[in-house]
Amino acid sequence: MPVGWPTFEEVDMSNTQRVVEIAESDLPLHCPLPGDKVWCSHPRVFLAVEEKGEAHCPYCGTLYKLKGWTGRPRHGH
């Protein structure tokens, strides 16, 4: 294991099932987020939060909510 990587025992998965509010500047959204304590706990997965204003991570269950979502899908980049 590379130096500085946490061991499995050191990774605190107690933050599963959390709710995270994100801004448009955070897009494209992926979980885990950069700087997360659990950044190495599961593979990076990109989430389409723009379609419904929220998205769940299929690995850890984190719910991401898009700030200011109006109920209409956002398109474009």
Protein backbone atom coordinates (compact mmCIF):
# COMPACT_ATOMS: atom_id res chain seq x y z
CA MET A 1 0.00 0.00 0.00
CA PRO A 2 1.44 3.44 -0.90
CA VAL A 3 2.75 5.59 1.90
CA GLY A 4 0.08 7.89 3.33
CA TRP A 5 -2.89 5.75 2.33
CA PRO A 6 -5.13 4.80 5.25
CA THR A 7 -5.52 1.16 6.13
CA PHE A 8 -8.95 -0.45 5.89
CA GLU A 9 -9.24 -0.22 9.67
CA GLU A 10 -8.49 3.52 9.59
CA VAL A 11 -11.20 4.35 7.06
CA ASP A 12 -14.21 5.61 9.00
CA MET A 13 -17.34 4.54 7.15
CA SER A 14 -19.60 6.17 9.73
CA ASN A 15 -20.29 8.95 7.26
CA THR A 16 -22.34 6.66 5.04
CA GLN A 17 -25.93 7.67 4.40
CA ARG A 18 -24.99 11.33 4.73
CA VAL A 19 -26.51 14.25 2.83
CA VAL A 20 -24.22 16.64 0.97
CA GLU A 21 -25.37 19.85 -0.69
CA ILE A 22 -23.35 20.81 -3.75
CA ALA A 23 -23.16 23.85 -6.03
CA GLU A 24 -23.04 24.01 -9.82
CA SER A 25 -19.33 24.80 -9.47
CA ASP A 26 -18.88 21.27 -8.05
CA LEU A 27 -20.07 19.69 -11.30
CA PRO A 28 -19.39 17.20 -12.75
CA LEU A 29 -20.16 15.43 -9.49
CA HIS A 30 -18.37 12.31 -8.38
CA CYS A 31 -18.25 10.36 -5.15
CA PRO A 32 -16.15 10.31 -3.12
CA LEU A 33 -15.49 14.04 -3.32
CA PRO A 34 -11.92 15.35 -3.38
CA GLY A 35 -10.66 15.73 0.16
CA ASP A 36 -13.23 13.36 1.64
CA LYS A 37 -12.00 11.33 4.56
CA VAL A 38 -13.14 8.21 2.70
CA TRP A 39 -11.65 9.15 -0.68
CA CYS A 40 -10.25 5.63 -1.10
CA SER A 41 -13.20 3.67 0.34
CA HIS A 42 -14.85 2.90 -3.01
CA PRO A 43 -14.29 3.48 -6.73
CA ARG A 44 -14.99 6.96 -8.07
CA VAL A 45 -18.46 7.10 -9.57
CA PHE A 46 -19.89 10.06 -11.48
CA LEU A 47 -23.44 11.03 -10.51
CA ALA A 48 -25.99 12.84 -12.72
CA VAL A 49 -27.36 15.19 -10.07
CA GLU A 50 -28.46 17.72 -12.72
CA GLU A 51 -31.32 15.54 -13.93
CA LYS A 52 -33.39 15.36 -10.73
CA GLY A 53 -31.64 17.76 -8.37
CA GLU A 54 -30.30 14.93 -6.28
CA ALA A 55 -28.49 11.62 -6.64
CA HIS A 56 -27.46 8.73 -4.38
CA CYS A 57 -24.05 7.14 -4.51
CA PRO A 58 -24.58 3.43 -5.23
CA TYR A 59 -21.54 2.50 -3.13
CA CYS A 60 -21.88 4.44 0.13
CA GLY A 61 -25.45 5.76 -0.05
CA THR A 62 -24.50 9.43 0.25
CA LEU A 63 -27.30 11.67 -1.01
CA TYR A 64 -26.08 14.66 -3.00
CA LYS A 65 -28.46 17.60 -3.44
CA LEU A 66 -27.92 20.39 -5.96
CA LYS A 67 -28.26 23.86 -4.39
CA GLY A 68 -30.87 26.05 -6.06
CA TRP A 69 -32.39 23.26 -8.11
CA THR A 70 -35.67 24.52 -9.58
CA GLY A 71 -37.27 21.21 -10.47
CA ARG A 72 -36.32 21.43 -14.11
CA PRO A 73 -33.49 19.34 -15.54
CA ARG A 74 -30.37 21.28 -16.42
CA HIS A 75 -28.72 20.61 -19.75
CA GLY A 76 -25.44 21.69 -21.22
CA HIS A 77 -22.03 22.06 -19.70
